[in-house]
Amino acid sequence: MIGIVSPGAMGAGLGGALRHGGARVVTTLDGRSERSGRLAAAAGLELLGSLDDVVAAARVVLVVTPPGAARDAARDIADAARRTGARPLVADLNAVAPTTVASIEATLAEAGLDLVDGSISGPPPGVRPGARVYLSGARAGEVAALPWRDVRPILLAGPNGRASAVKMSTASVYKGVTAVVAQALRAADFHGVLDEVLADLGETADPGAIAVAATKAARFVAEMREISSAQGAAGLTPALFEAFAEVYAEIAATDLAAGHPEDTPRDVPAAEVVRRLRRR
């Protein structure tokens, strides 16, 4: 049995992919939103009453939370393991820096739990194909061997932290470019040259991608800071992604951030996107 913490769009999607592969997948909606309930139901996940129930029932627990909640999730799972006496393998699949992975690993180890470091690249299964799950650590092969459907597990040799290092590098490009384009269009709008900038950028400017990213901007703030930490640890300036955290914080406070990714059309006109990016 596999447990999911927590069943947002990606967590529910991964759970659904495993269920379609033949696994029994459980989660809890304790403390979760009505949207999570809809996503979990659509993915066919079994609902248990609490995190304690999930930790007690599952042999593997996959953790897919917003980056800013990763440490708290590890503490909650460790506490649940102490209360129940269960010892599932925990795979943290969050977008966090390797230093955060080390902190999570230490928290879980205090409760006798082993960690597999993981990261996700691509859309949630069920949205479109192509999701990849990078895995590292001594027991990563056990997570790779789960019955994934429409998800490609990629094993990395070496210790925990390597899978997250992949995510920190790839997300810096994917989400950094989106932030740059959003800033460019906002500045162009202010100066009255939006049409000219859109024509010059061509396919580089994807208003639909900005609209979808805006609905996730609040969680991207913490992710940008995790990327900043990862780059700082590499001896690089952390200032670039600290600034991107500010960009996404601004976007999160605009009208464009309302709603959910799955409800946001990709064919939103650029002028509408920019209008809704204006500060309230």
C-alpha atoms as a PDB file:
ATOM      1  CA  MET A   1       0.000   0.000   0.000  1.00  0.00           C
ATOM      2  CA  ILE A   2       1.222   3.483  -0.876  1.00  0.00           C
ATOM      3  CA  GLY A   3       0.368   6.668   1.007  1.00  0.00           C
ATOM      4  CA  ILE A   4       0.175  10.175  -0.454  1.00  0.00           C
ATOM      5  CA  VAL A   5       0.883  13.347   1.562  1.00  0.00           C
ATOM      6  CA  SER A   6      -0.754  15.549   0.313  1.00  0.00           C
ATOM      7  CA  PRO A   7      -3.303  15.093  -2.506  1.00  0.00           C
ATOM      8  CA  GLY A   8      -2.994  18.346  -4.438  1.00  0.00           C
ATOM      9  CA  ALA A   9      -2.834  18.303  -8.229  1.00  0.00           C
ATOM     10  CA  MET A  10       0.577  16.606  -8.375  1.00  0.00           C
ATOM     11  CA  GLY A  11       0.112  14.356  -5.357  1.00  0.00           C
ATOM     12  CA  ALA A  12      -3.276  13.121  -6.536  1.00  0.00           C
ATOM     13  CA  GLY A  13      -1.912  12.713 -10.067  1.00  0.00           C
ATOM     14  CA  LEU A  14       0.971  10.543  -8.888  1.00  0.00           C
ATOM     15  CA  GLY A  15      -1.394   8.550  -6.707  1.00  0.00           C
ATOM     16  CA  GLY A  16      -3.690   7.997  -9.658  1.00  0.00           C
ATOM     17  CA  ALA A  17      -0.756   6.867 -11.805  1.00  0.00           C
ATOM     18  CA  LEU A  18       0.198   4.281  -9.190  1.00  0.00           C
ATOM     19  CA  ARG A  19      -3.390   3.153  -8.750  1.00  0.00           C
ATOM     20  CA  HIS A  20      -3.669   2.607 -12.504  1.00  0.00           C
ATOM     21  CA  GLY A  21      -0.501   0.547 -12.245  1.00  0.00           C
ATOM     22  CA  GLY A  22      -2.231  -1.769  -9.778  1.00  0.00           C
ATOM     23  CA  ALA A  23      -1.275  -0.308  -6.407  1.00  0.00           C
ATOM     24  CA  ARG A  24      -3.589   0.431  -3.548  1.00  0.00           C
ATOM     25  CA  VAL A  25      -3.144   4.131  -2.757  1.00  0.00           C
ATOM     26  CA  VAL A  26      -4.384   5.903   0.367  1.00  0.00           C
ATOM     27  CA  THR A  27      -4.393   9.488   1.568  1.00  0.00           C
ATOM     28  CA  THR A  28      -6.114  11.698   4.101  1.00  0.00           C
ATOM     29  CA  LEU A  29      -8.059  14.915   3.646  1.00  0.00           C
ATOM     30  CA  ASP A  30      -7.579  15.912   7.274  1.00  0.00           C
ATOM     31  CA  GLY A  31      -6.790  19.621   7.138  1.00  0.00           C
ATOM     32  CA  ARG A  32      -7.013  19.700   3.354  1.00  0.00           C
ATOM     33  CA  SER A  33      -9.212  21.813   1.100  1.00  0.00           C
ATOM     34  CA  GLU A  34     -12.369  20.925  -0.795  1.00  0.00           C
ATOM     35  CA  ARG A  35     -10.281  21.070  -3.983  1.00  0.00           C
ATOM     36  CA  SER A  36      -7.964  18.360  -2.628  1.00  0.00           C
ATOM     37  CA  GLY A  37     -11.027  16.241  -1.989  1.00  0.00           C
ATOM     38  CA  ARG A  38     -12.120  16.624  -5.597  1.00  0.00           C
ATOM     39  CA  LEU A  39      -8.651  15.802  -6.911  1.00  0.00           C
ATOM     40  CA  ALA A  40      -8.288  12.765  -4.665  1.00  0.00           C
ATOM     41  CA  ALA A  41     -11.720  11.461  -5.680  1.00  0.00           C
ATOM     42  CA  ALA A  42     -10.966  11.968  -9.379  1.00  0.00           C
ATOM     43  CA  ALA A  43      -7.732   9.991  -8.972  1.00  0.00           C
ATOM     44  CA  GLY A  44      -9.538   7.167  -7.180  1.00  0.00           C
ATOM     45  CA  LEU A  45      -7.526   7.430  -3.966  1.00  0.00           C
ATOM     46  CA  GLU A  46      -8.782   5.719  -0.814  1.00  0.00           C
ATOM     47  CA  LEU A  47      -9.474   8.137   2.006  1.00  0.00           C
ATOM     48  CA  LEU A  48      -8.341   7.472   5.564  1.00  0.00           C
ATOM     49  CA  GLY A  49      -9.205   9.514   8.612  1.00  0.00           C
ATOM     50  CA  SER A  50      -5.819  10.929   9.562  1.00  0.00           C
ATOM     51  CA  LEU A  51      -2.119  11.085   8.802  1.00  0.00           C
ATOM     52  CA  ASP A  52      -1.578   8.499  11.544  1.00  0.00           C
ATOM     53  CA  ASP A  53      -3.817   6.117   9.595  1.00  0.00           C
ATOM     54  CA  VAL A  54      -1.869   6.719   6.369  1.00  0.00           C
ATOM     55  CA  VAL A  55       1.522   6.236   8.033  1.00  0.00           C
ATOM     56  CA  ALA A  56       0.320   3.084   9.791  1.00  0.00           C
ATOM     57  CA  ALA A  57      -1.144   1.541   6.640  1.00  0.00           C
ATOM     58  CA  ALA A  58       1.431   2.383   3.966  1.00  0.00           C
ATOM     59  CA  ARG A  59       4.763   0.713   3.302  1.00  0.00           C
ATOM     60  CA  VAL A  60       5.832   3.731   1.208  1.00  0.00           C
ATOM     61  CA  VAL A  61       4.735   7.320   1.814  1.00  0.00           C
ATOM     62  CA  LEU A  62       5.162   9.856  -0.989  1.00  0.00           C
ATOM     63  CA  VAL A  63       5.268  13.477   0.171  1.00  0.00           C
ATOM     64  CA  VAL A  64       4.204  16.146  -2.328  1.00  0.00           C
ATOM     65  CA  THR A  65       3.601  19.407  -0.496  1.00  0.00           C
ATOM     66  CA  PRO A  66       4.326  23.040  -1.332  1.00  0.00           C
ATOM     67  CA  PRO A  67       8.074  23.638  -0.807  1.00  0.00           C
ATOM     68  CA  GLY A  68       7.484  25.850   2.206  1.00  0.00           C
ATOM     69  CA  ALA A  69       5.630  23.023   3.969  1.00  0.00           C
ATOM     70  CA  ALA A  70       8.233  20.294   3.393  1.00  0.00           C
ATOM     71  CA  ARG A  71       9.916  20.502   6.799  1.00  0.00           C
ATOM     72  CA  ASP A  72       6.583  20.612   8.637  1.00  0.00           C
ATOM     73  CA  ALA A  73       5.377  17.574   6.682  1.00  0.00           C
ATOM     74  CA  ALA A  74       8.488  15.641   7.708  1.00  0.00           C
ATOM     75  CA  ARG A  75       7.907  16.523  11.367  1.00  0.00           C
ATOM     76  CA  ASP A  76       4.255  15.499  11.127  1.00  0.00           C
ATOM     77  CA  ILE A  77       5.166  12.152   9.543  1.00  0.00           C
ATOM     78  CA  ALA A  78       7.857  11.534  12.163  1.00  0.00           C
ATOM     79  CA  ASP A  79       5.366  12.257  14.935  1.00  0.00           C
ATOM     80  CA  ALA A  80       2.806   9.938  13.325  1.00  0.00           C
ATOM     81  CA  ALA A  81       5.416   7.177  13.132  1.00  0.00           C
ATOM     82  CA  ARG A  82       6.218   7.579  16.822  1.00  0.00           C
ATOM     83  CA  ARG A  83       2.530   7.414  17.754  1.00  0.00           C
ATOM     84  CA  THR A  84       1.764   4.383  15.604  1.00  0.00           C
ATOM     85  CA  GLY A  85       5.056   2.501  15.735  1.00  0.00           C
ATOM     86  CA  ALA A  86       4.989   2.251  11.929  1.00  0.00           C
ATOM     87  CA  ARG A  87       8.157   2.518   9.832  1.00  0.00           C
ATOM     88  CA  PRO A  88       7.217   3.220   6.203  1.00  0.00           C
ATOM     89  CA  LEU A  89       9.800   4.306   3.664  1.00  0.00           C
ATOM     90  CA  VAL A  90       9.335   8.035   3.058  1.00  0.00           C
ATOM     91  CA  ALA A  91      10.007   9.599  -0.340  1.00  0.00           C
ATOM     92  CA  ASP A  92      10.109  13.381  -0.217  1.00  0.00           C
ATOM     93  CA  LEU A  93       9.284  14.615  -3.733  1.00  0.00           C
ATOM     94  CA  ASN A  94       9.148  18.316  -2.926  1.00  0.00           C
ATOM     95  CA  ALA A  95      10.942  21.130  -4.747  1.00  0.00           C
ATOM     96  CA  VAL A  96      13.547  21.865  -2.089  1.00  0.00           C
ATOM     97  CA  ALA A  97      17.277  22.475  -1.872  1.00  0.00           C
ATOM     98  CA  PRO A  98      19.715  19.671  -0.937  1.00  0.00           C
ATOM     99  CA  THR A  99      20.326  21.393   2.403  1.00  0.00           C
ATOM    100  CA  THR A 100      16.596  21.158   3.135  1.00  0.00           C
ATOM    101  CA  VAL A 101      16.697  17.476   2.188  1.00  0.00           C
ATOM    102  CA  ALA A 102      19.436  16.949   4.787  1.00  0.00           C
ATOM    103  CA  SER A 103      17.248  18.594   7.430  1.00  0.00           C
ATOM    104  CA  ILE A 104      14.258  16.447   6.456  1.00  0.00           C
ATOM    105  CA  GLU A 105      16.390  13.313   6.533  1.00  0.00           C
ATOM    106  CA  ALA A 106      17.588  14.114  10.058  1.00  0.00           C
ATOM    107  CA  THR A 107      14.017  14.736  11.250  1.00  0.00           C
ATOM    108  CA  LEU A 108      12.802  11.414   9.888  1.00  0.00           C
ATOM    109  CA  ALA A 109      15.828   9.503  11.144  1.00  0.00           C
ATOM    110  CA  GLU A 110      15.019  10.563  14.709  1.00  0.00           C
ATOM    111  CA  ALA A 111      11.785   8.583  14.317  1.00  0.00           C
ATOM    112  CA  GLY A 112      13.540   5.603  12.735  1.00  0.00           C
ATOM    113  CA  LEU A 113      12.389   6.395   9.209  1.00  0.00           C
ATOM    114  CA  ASP A 114      14.455   6.114   6.029  1.00  0.00           C
ATOM    115  CA  LEU A 115      14.271   8.808   3.352  1.00  0.00           C
ATOM    116  CA  VAL A 116      14.413   8.668  -0.419  1.00  0.00           C
ATOM    117  CA  ASP A 117      15.116  12.019  -2.027  1.00  0.00           C
ATOM    118  CA  GLY A 118      12.959  12.708  -5.058  1.00  0.00           C
ATOM    119  CA  SER A 119      11.930  15.465  -7.406  1.00  0.00           C
ATOM    120  CA  ILE A 120       9.322  15.775 -10.127  1.00  0.00           C
ATOM    121  CA  SER A 121       9.738  17.278 -13.571  1.00  0.00           C
ATOM    122  CA  GLY A 122       6.801  17.757 -15.894  1.00  0.00           C
ATOM    123  CA  PRO A 123       3.041  18.061 -15.467  1.00  0.00           C
ATOM    124  CA  PRO A 124       0.863  15.997 -13.140  1.00  0.00           C
ATOM    125  CA  PRO A 125      -0.037  12.609 -14.634  1.00  0.00           C
ATOM    126  CA  GLY A 126      -3.441  12.888 -16.217  1.00  0.00           C
ATOM    127  CA  VAL A 127      -2.871  16.467 -17.391  1.00  0.00           C
ATOM    128  CA  ARG A 128      -0.513  15.389 -20.157  1.00  0.00           C
ATOM    129  CA  PRO A 129       2.131  12.658 -20.430  1.00  0.00           C
ATOM    130  CA  GLY A 130       5.784  13.177 -19.687  1.00  0.00           C
ATOM    131  CA  ALA A 131       6.184  13.357 -15.903  1.00  0.00           C
ATOM    132  CA  ARG A 132       9.580  12.228 -14.650  1.00  0.00           C
ATOM    133  CA  VAL A 133      10.470  11.400 -11.055  1.00  0.00           C
ATOM    134  CA  TYR A 134      14.163  11.658 -10.172  1.00  0.00           C
ATOM    135  CA  LEU A 135      15.214   9.531  -7.199  1.00  0.00           C
ATOM    136  CA  SER A 136      18.393   9.267  -5.149  1.00  0.00           C
ATOM    137  CA  GLY A 137      19.489   7.676  -1.907  1.00  0.00           C
ATOM    138  CA  ALA A 138      20.217   4.188  -0.632  1.00  0.00           C
ATOM    139  CA  ARG A 139      16.641   2.915  -1.043  1.00  0.00           C
ATOM    140  CA  ALA A 140      15.699   4.867  -4.168  1.00  0.00           C
ATOM    141  CA  GLY A 141      15.342   1.657  -6.161  1.00  0.00           C
ATOM    142  CA  GLU A 142      12.366   0.636  -4.026  1.00  0.00           C
ATOM    143  CA  VAL A 143      10.465   3.765  -5.047  1.00  0.00           C
ATOM    144  CA  ALA A 144      11.515   3.395  -8.677  1.00  0.00           C
ATOM    145  CA  ALA A 145      10.114  -0.160  -8.630  1.00  0.00           C
ATOM    146  CA  LEU A 146       6.599   0.969  -7.670  1.00  0.00           C
ATOM    147  CA  PRO A 147       3.996   0.285 -10.398  1.00  0.00           C
ATOM    148  CA  TRP A 148       4.205   3.689 -12.085  1.00  0.00           C
ATOM    149  CA  ARG A 149       1.903   4.309 -15.027  1.00  0.00           C
ATOM    150  CA  ASP A 150       2.609   7.257 -17.374  1.00  0.00           C
ATOM    151  CA  VAL A 151       5.448   8.348 -15.074  1.00  0.00           C
ATOM    152  CA  ARG A 152       9.129   7.646 -15.735  1.00  0.00           C
ATOM    153  CA  PRO A 153      11.270   7.064 -12.637  1.00  0.00           C
ATOM    154  CA  ILE A 154      14.936   8.021 -13.112  1.00  0.00           C
ATOM    155  CA  LEU A 155      17.455   6.592 -10.644  1.00  0.00           C
ATOM    156  CA  LEU A 156      20.487   8.697  -9.748  1.00  0.00           C
ATOM    157  CA  ALA A 157      23.558   7.110  -8.214  1.00  0.00           C
ATOM    158  CA  GLY A 158      24.675   8.592  -4.931  1.00  0.00           C
ATOM    159  CA  PRO A 159      23.186   9.956  -1.734  1.00  0.00           C
ATOM    160  CA  ASN A 160      20.058  11.897  -0.897  1.00  0.00           C
ATOM    161  CA  GLY A 161      20.135  15.431  -2.238  1.00  0.00           C
ATOM    162  CA  ARG A 162      21.089  14.629  -5.825  1.00  0.00           C
ATOM    163  CA  ALA A 163      17.495  14.305  -7.047  1.00  0.00           C
ATOM    164  CA  SER A 164      16.598  17.624  -5.470  1.00  0.00           C
ATOM    165  CA  ALA A 165      19.674  19.224  -7.034  1.00  0.00           C
ATOM    166  CA  VAL A 166      18.246  18.280 -10.432  1.00  0.00           C
ATOM    167  CA  LYS A 167      14.966  19.996  -9.606  1.00  0.00           C
ATOM    168  CA  MET A 168      16.645  23.121  -8.295  1.00  0.00           C
ATOM    169  CA  SER A 169      18.533  23.469 -11.576  1.00  0.00           C
ATOM    170  CA  THR A 170      15.715  22.647 -13.987  1.00  0.00           C
ATOM    171  CA  ALA A 171      13.095  24.694 -12.108  1.00  0.00           C
ATOM    172  CA  SER A 172      15.446  27.653 -12.126  1.00  0.00           C
ATOM    173  CA  VAL A 173      15.140  27.637 -15.914  1.00  0.00           C
ATOM    174  CA  TYR A 174      11.460  26.760 -16.324  1.00  0.00           C
ATOM    175  CA  LYS A 175      10.095  29.077 -13.650  1.00  0.00           C
ATOM    176  CA  GLY A 176      12.810  31.684 -14.007  1.00  0.00           C
ATOM    177  CA  VAL A 177      11.979  32.168 -17.697  1.00  0.00           C
ATOM    178  CA  THR A 178       8.273  32.479 -16.880  1.00  0.00           C
ATOM    179  CA  ALA A 179       9.039  35.158 -14.291  1.00  0.00           C
ATOM    180  CA  VAL A 180      11.274  37.044 -16.736  1.00  0.00           C
ATOM    181  CA  VAL A 181       8.606  37.027 -19.450  1.00  0.00           C
ATOM    182  CA  ALA A 182       5.929  38.128 -16.985  1.00  0.00           C
ATOM    183  CA  GLN A 183       8.105  41.040 -15.896  1.00  0.00           C
ATOM    184  CA  ALA A 184       8.855  41.975 -19.498  1.00  0.00           C
ATOM    185  CA  LEU A 185       5.161  42.058 -20.421  1.00  0.00           C
ATOM    186  CA  ARG A 186       4.242  44.051 -17.339  1.00  0.00           C
ATOM    187  CA  ALA A 187       6.921  46.628 -18.135  1.00  0.00           C
ATOM    188  CA  ALA A 188       5.868  46.737 -21.798  1.00  0.00           C
ATOM    189  CA  ASP A 189       2.272  47.315 -20.765  1.00  0.00           C
ATOM    190  CA  PHE A 190       3.287  50.202 -18.521  1.00  0.00           C
ATOM    191  CA  HIS A 191       5.252  51.842 -21.321  1.00  0.00           C
ATOM    192  CA  GLY A 192       2.510  51.287 -23.907  1.00  0.00           C
ATOM    193  CA  VAL A 193       4.489  48.918 -26.151  1.00  0.00           C
ATOM    194  CA  LEU A 194       2.873  45.564 -25.325  1.00  0.00           C
ATOM    195  CA  ASP A 195       1.882  44.696 -28.897  1.00  0.00           C
ATOM    196  CA  GLU A 196       5.340  45.472 -30.214  1.00  0.00           C
ATOM    197  CA  VAL A 197       7.034  43.404 -27.507  1.00  0.00           C
ATOM    198  CA  LEU A 198       4.722  40.450 -28.085  1.00  0.00           C
ATOM    199  CA  ALA A 199       5.408  40.587 -31.815  1.00  0.00           C
ATOM    200  CA  ASP A 200       9.164  40.693 -31.243  1.00  0.00           C
ATOM    201  CA  LEU A 201       9.230  37.878 -28.692  1.00  0.00           C
ATOM    202  CA  GLY A 202       6.985  35.605 -30.735  1.00  0.00           C
ATOM    203  CA  GLU A 203       6.611  32.140 -29.194  1.00  0.00           C
ATOM    204  CA  THR A 204       8.993  33.070 -26.372  1.00  0.00           C
ATOM    205  CA  ALA A 205       6.089  34.944 -24.792  1.00  0.00           C
ATOM    206  CA  ASP A 206       3.456  32.428 -23.724  1.00  0.00           C
ATOM    207  CA  PRO A 207       0.611  34.255 -21.950  1.00  0.00           C
ATOM    208  CA  GLY A 208      -1.097  30.962 -21.147  1.00  0.00           C
ATOM    209  CA  ALA A 209       1.960  29.697 -19.280  1.00  0.00           C
ATOM    210  CA  ILE A 210       2.034  32.915 -17.259  1.00  0.00           C
ATOM    211  CA  ALA A 211      -1.664  32.581 -16.438  1.00  0.00           C
ATOM    212  CA  VAL A 212      -1.204  29.017 -15.178  1.00  0.00           C
ATOM    213  CA  ALA A 213       1.954  29.909 -13.244  1.00  0.00           C
ATOM    214  CA  ALA A 214       0.133  32.797 -11.576  1.00  0.00           C
ATOM    215  CA  THR A 215      -2.296  30.381  -9.915  1.00  0.00           C
ATOM    216  CA  LYS A 216       0.733  28.664  -8.323  1.00  0.00           C
ATOM    217  CA  ALA A 217       2.715  31.829  -7.633  1.00  0.00           C
ATOM    218  CA  ALA A 218       2.236  31.720  -3.874  1.00  0.00           C
ATOM    219  CA  ARG A 219       3.943  28.331  -3.614  1.00  0.00           C
ATOM    220  CA  PHE A 220       6.621  29.386  -6.098  1.00  0.00           C
ATOM    221  CA  VAL A 221       7.822  32.030  -3.631  1.00  0.00           C
ATOM    222  CA  ALA A 222       9.253  29.376  -1.318  1.00  0.00           C
ATOM    223  CA  GLU A 223      10.556  27.377  -4.279  1.00  0.00           C
ATOM    224  CA  MET A 224      12.516  30.382  -5.549  1.00  0.00           C
ATOM    225  CA  ARG A 225      14.077  30.708  -2.114  1.00  0.00           C
ATOM    226  CA  GLU A 226      15.012  27.031  -2.129  1.00  0.00           C
ATOM    227  CA  ILE A 227      16.676  27.551  -5.522  1.00  0.00           C
ATOM    228  CA  SER A 228      18.468  30.581  -4.102  1.00  0.00           C
ATOM    229  CA  SER A 229      19.755  28.414  -1.261  1.00  0.00           C
ATOM    230  CA  ALA A 230      20.918  25.702  -3.652  1.00  0.00           C
ATOM    231  CA  GLN A 231      22.756  28.214  -5.812  1.00  0.00           C
ATOM    232  CA  GLY A 232      24.293  29.886  -2.776  1.00  0.00           C
ATOM    233  CA  ALA A 233      25.610  26.513  -1.604  1.00  0.00           C
ATOM    234  CA  ALA A 234      27.289  26.185  -5.020  1.00  0.00           C
ATOM    235  CA  GLY A 235      29.129  29.446  -4.459  1.00  0.00           C
ATOM    236  CA  LEU A 236      26.837  31.393  -6.773  1.00  0.00           C
ATOM    237  CA  THR A 237      25.004  34.587  -5.946  1.00  0.00           C
ATOM    238  CA  PRO A 238      21.676  33.879  -4.264  1.00  0.00           C
ATOM    239  CA  ALA A 239      20.362  37.318  -5.221  1.00  0.00           C
ATOM    240  CA  LEU A 240      18.883  36.319  -8.592  1.00  0.00           C
ATOM    241  CA  PHE A 241      16.322  33.897  -7.219  1.00  0.00           C
ATOM    242  CA  GLU A 242      15.666  35.939  -4.128  1.00  0.00           C
ATOM    243  CA  ALA A 243      14.491  38.574  -6.620  1.00  0.00           C
ATOM    244  CA  PHE A 244      12.379  35.999  -8.466  1.00  0.00           C
ATOM    245  CA  ALA A 245      10.750  35.160  -5.120  1.00  0.00           C
ATOM    246  CA  GLU A 246       9.713  38.811  -4.930  1.00  0.00           C
ATOM    247  CA  VAL A 247       8.379  38.668  -8.495  1.00  0.00           C
ATOM    248  CA  TYR A 248       6.182  35.675  -7.699  1.00  0.00           C
ATOM    249  CA  ALA A 249       5.051  37.261  -4.428  1.00  0.00           C
ATOM    250  CA  GLU A 250       3.831  40.258  -6.440  1.00  0.00           C
ATOM    251  CA  ILE A 251       2.100  38.002  -8.972  1.00  0.00           C
ATOM    252  CA  ALA A 252       0.432  36.060  -6.143  1.00  0.00           C
ATOM    253  CA  ALA A 253      -1.224  39.304  -5.034  1.00  0.00           C
ATOM    254  CA  THR A 254      -2.812  40.021  -8.432  1.00  0.00           C
ATOM    255  CA  ASP A 255      -6.193  39.019  -9.850  1.00  0.00           C
ATOM    256  CA  LEU A 256      -4.470  36.558 -12.194  1.00  0.00           C
ATOM    257  CA  ALA A 257      -3.497  34.402  -9.209  1.00  0.00           C
ATOM    258  CA  ALA A 258      -7.114  33.584  -8.372  1.00  0.00           C
ATOM    259  CA  GLY A 259      -8.353  30.137  -9.321  1.00  0.00           C
ATOM    260  CA  HIS A 260      -6.603  26.806  -9.860  1.00  0.00           C
ATOM    261  CA  PRO A 261      -4.244  25.550 -12.579  1.00  0.00           C
ATOM    262  CA  GLU A 262      -6.665  22.904 -13.826  1.00  0.00           C
ATOM    263  CA  ASP A 263      -9.358  25.552 -14.365  1.00  0.00           C
ATOM    264  CA  THR A 264      -7.147  28.066 -16.168  1.00  0.00           C
ATOM    265  CA  PRO A 265      -7.375  28.094 -19.984  1.00  0.00           C
ATOM    266  CA  ARG A 266      -4.101  28.222 -21.909  1.00  0.00           C
ATOM    267  CA  ASP A 267      -5.544  30.442 -24.652  1.00  0.00           C
ATOM    268  CA  VAL A 268      -5.929  33.551 -22.500  1.00  0.00           C
ATOM    269  CA  PRO A 269      -5.251  36.668 -24.606  1.00  0.00           C
ATOM    270  CA  ALA A 270      -2.010  38.423 -23.698  1.00  0.00           C
ATOM    271  CA  ALA A 271      -3.776  41.719 -23.052  1.00  0.00           C
ATOM    272  CA  GLU A 272      -6.094  40.004 -20.558  1.00  0.00           C
ATOM    273  CA  VAL A 273      -3.163  38.333 -18.798  1.00  0.00           C
ATOM    274  CA  VAL A 274      -1.299  41.624 -18.456  1.00  0.00           C
ATOM    275  CA  ARG A 275      -4.407  43.477 -17.332  1.00  0.00           C
ATOM    276  CA  ARG A 276      -4.932  40.975 -14.551  1.00  0.00           C
ATOM    277  CA  LEU A 277      -1.247  41.176 -13.583  1.00  0.00           C
ATOM    278  CA  ARG A 278      -1.616  44.833 -12.674  1.00  0.00           C
ATOM    279  CA  ARG A 279      -1.313  45.563  -9.000  1.00  0.00           C
ATOM    280  CA  ARG A 280      -4.622  45.834  -7.193  1.00  0.00           C
END
